[in-house]
Amino acid sequence: MKLYTYDERIKGTPEQIFAVVNDDDKLKEWSPIFAGNIYNTKDKRAVGTKFRTMMKVLNKTYQFRSTITEYEENRFIEVKTTLKQGIITSSFRLEPEGPEETRVQVESHFDAESRRYALVLKGARPIVKQVLDNQMKKLETITAN
């Protein structure tokens, strides 16, 4: 099930935007629910990198197992995150659209273990979209400066 889609052009080069997306400390600036990553592999950004993502939701921190499944520096990253309810696959793609503008495409898909959980998540999609759209606006603001 598609969980989230974003496809917009923002100011900045792919390199400038990727530098903000690809750095854990900078991620915290534009993603208020991101609390950090704990890496299980030597490389932090490469295909096969395994880590635990920590997310803070309603004053509680959750940890999820994640793996980078595809990676092209300054252009593309895909991460699979395993939850007990299923697997979230998220991708972040950057394409130059001129000297100082980049097309940013984000997609998240959720493969639920149970039909019941998929239905609950389907109902929550508008809230998820609002939260993630706000994060993308913050990313846009940070990269424009």
Protein backbone atom coordinates (compact mmCIF):
# COMPACT_ATOMS: atom_id res chain seq x y z
CA MET A 1 0.00 0.00 0.00
CA LYS A 2 1.30 3.44 -0.90
CA LEU A 3 1.81 5.36 2.34
CA TYR A 4 3.22 8.68 1.10
CA THR A 5 4.21 10.46 -2.11
CA TYR A 6 5.95 13.80 -2.61
CA ASP A 7 7.03 15.22 -5.98
CA GLU A 8 8.08 18.88 -6.00
CA ARG A 9 10.85 21.13 -7.24
CA ILE A 10 12.84 22.96 -4.60
CA LYS A 11 15.71 25.44 -4.63
CA GLY A 12 19.17 23.97 -4.32
CA THR A 13 21.36 21.51 -6.14
CA PRO A 14 21.03 17.76 -5.62
CA GLU A 15 24.34 17.89 -3.74
CA GLN A 16 23.09 20.60 -1.33
CA ILE A 17 19.81 18.77 -0.67
CA PHE A 18 21.42 15.34 -0.31
CA ALA A 19 23.93 16.75 2.19
CA VAL A 20 20.99 17.68 4.44
CA VAL A 21 19.15 14.39 3.92
CA ASN A 22 22.24 12.22 4.27
CA ASP A 23 23.45 13.60 7.62
CA ASP A 24 21.85 12.33 10.84
CA ASP A 25 22.35 15.61 12.72
CA LYS A 26 20.85 17.65 9.89
CA LEU A 27 17.94 15.18 9.63
CA LYS A 28 16.94 16.17 13.16
CA GLU A 29 16.61 19.81 12.02
CA TRP A 30 13.86 19.11 9.50
CA SER A 31 12.34 15.89 10.86
CA PRO A 32 11.11 16.43 14.43
CA ILE A 33 10.20 12.76 14.88
CA PHE A 34 13.71 11.55 13.93
CA ALA A 35 15.73 10.87 17.11
CA GLY A 36 18.81 9.23 15.59
CA ASN A 37 20.34 6.09 14.12
CA ILE A 38 22.46 3.36 15.69
CA TYR A 39 24.61 1.70 13.03
CA ASN A 40 25.33 -2.04 13.01
CA THR A 41 27.72 -1.87 10.05
CA LYS A 42 30.95 0.05 9.42
CA ASP A 43 29.55 2.06 6.50
CA LYS A 44 26.83 4.53 7.37
CA ARG A 45 25.70 5.19 3.82
CA ALA A 46 26.07 2.28 1.40
CA VAL A 47 23.98 -0.58 0.04
CA GLY A 48 23.65 -3.15 2.81
CA THR A 49 24.11 -0.69 5.69
CA LYS A 50 22.10 -1.92 8.69
CA PHE A 51 20.96 0.36 11.48
CA ARG A 52 18.28 1.02 14.04
CA THR A 53 16.22 4.13 13.41
CA MET A 54 14.87 5.87 16.49
CA MET A 55 11.66 7.87 16.12
CA LYS A 56 10.03 9.98 18.79
CA VAL A 57 6.22 9.97 18.65
CA LEU A 58 4.07 11.49 21.40
CA ASN A 59 7.01 11.65 23.86
CA LYS A 60 7.89 7.99 23.37
CA THR A 61 10.89 6.72 21.41
CA TYR A 62 10.53 3.70 19.12
CA GLN A 63 13.31 1.75 17.40
CA PHE A 64 13.00 0.07 14.01
CA ARG A 65 15.43 -2.13 12.08
CA SER A 66 16.44 -0.57 8.78
CA THR A 67 18.64 -1.48 5.80
CA ILE A 68 19.79 0.65 2.87
CA THR A 69 18.79 -1.37 -0.19
CA GLU A 70 19.84 1.11 -2.90
CA TYR A 71 22.18 4.08 -2.77
CA GLU A 72 23.58 6.53 -5.30
CA GLU A 73 25.32 9.48 -3.67
CA ASN A 74 23.62 12.84 -4.29
CA ARG A 75 20.83 11.18 -6.29
CA PHE A 76 18.98 8.27 -4.66
CA ILE A 77 18.54 6.30 -1.46
CA GLU A 78 16.09 3.51 -0.65
CA VAL A 79 15.61 2.15 2.87
CA LYS A 80 13.62 -0.85 4.09
CA THR A 81 12.36 -0.55 7.66
CA THR A 82 11.01 -3.58 9.47
CA LEU A 83 8.22 -3.23 12.02
CA LYS A 84 6.34 -6.04 13.71
CA GLN A 85 3.31 -4.93 11.65
CA GLY A 86 5.11 -5.09 8.28
CA ILE A 87 7.79 -3.48 6.12
CA ILE A 88 8.05 0.16 5.04
CA THR A 89 10.10 0.84 1.91
CA SER A 90 11.00 4.50 1.45
CA SER A 91 12.86 6.09 -1.43
CA PHE A 92 14.28 9.58 -1.90
CA ARG A 93 15.24 10.63 -5.46
CA LEU A 94 16.84 13.89 -6.63
CA GLU A 95 17.03 15.10 -10.23
CA PRO A 96 18.56 18.44 -11.29
CA GLU A 97 16.02 20.75 -12.94
CA GLY A 98 18.30 23.69 -13.69
CA PRO A 99 21.29 25.41 -12.11
CA GLU A 100 19.69 25.94 -8.69
CA GLU A 101 16.57 23.78 -8.66
CA THR A 102 16.02 20.08 -8.01
CA ARG A 103 13.09 17.73 -8.43
CA VAL A 104 12.60 15.88 -5.14
CA GLN A 105 10.61 12.64 -5.23
CA VAL A 106 9.79 10.73 -2.06
CA GLU A 107 7.75 7.54 -1.91
CA SER A 108 6.89 5.25 0.98
CA HIS A 109 5.11 1.93 0.68
CA PHE A 110 3.87 -0.28 3.49
CA ASP A 111 3.49 -4.04 3.19
CA ALA A 112 1.35 -5.01 6.17
CA GLU A 113 1.51 -8.36 7.93
CA SER A 114 -2.21 -8.22 8.65
CA ARG A 115 -5.19 -6.83 6.78
CA ARG A 116 -6.45 -5.21 9.99
CA TYR A 117 -3.30 -3.16 10.44
CA ALA A 118 -3.38 -2.13 6.78
CA LEU A 119 -6.92 -0.78 7.27
CA VAL A 120 -5.89 1.18 10.38
CA LEU A 121 -2.92 2.66 8.55
CA LYS A 122 -5.06 3.52 5.54
CA GLY A 123 -7.25 5.62 7.84
CA ALA A 124 -4.16 7.34 9.27
CA ARG A 125 -2.71 8.26 5.86
CA PRO A 126 -4.06 11.85 5.89
CA ILE A 127 -2.28 12.51 9.20
CA VAL A 128 0.91 10.83 7.96
CA LYS A 129 0.76 12.96 4.79
CA GLN A 130 0.34 16.18 6.79
CA VAL A 131 3.29 15.37 9.08
CA LEU A 132 5.57 14.37 6.20
CA ASP A 133 4.53 17.33 4.02
CA ASN A 134 5.49 19.63 6.93
CA GLN A 135 8.87 17.91 7.14
CA MET A 136 9.42 18.41 3.41
CA LYS A 137 8.61 22.12 3.76
CA LYS A 138 11.24 22.35 6.52
CA LEU A 139 13.74 20.59 4.26
CA GLU A 140 12.95 23.11 1.55
CA THR A 141 13.55 26.00 3.97
CA ILE A 142 16.84 24.57 5.25
CA THR A 143 18.29 23.90 1.79
CA ALA A 144 17.27 27.35 0.52
CA ASN A 145 19.47 29.03 3.17
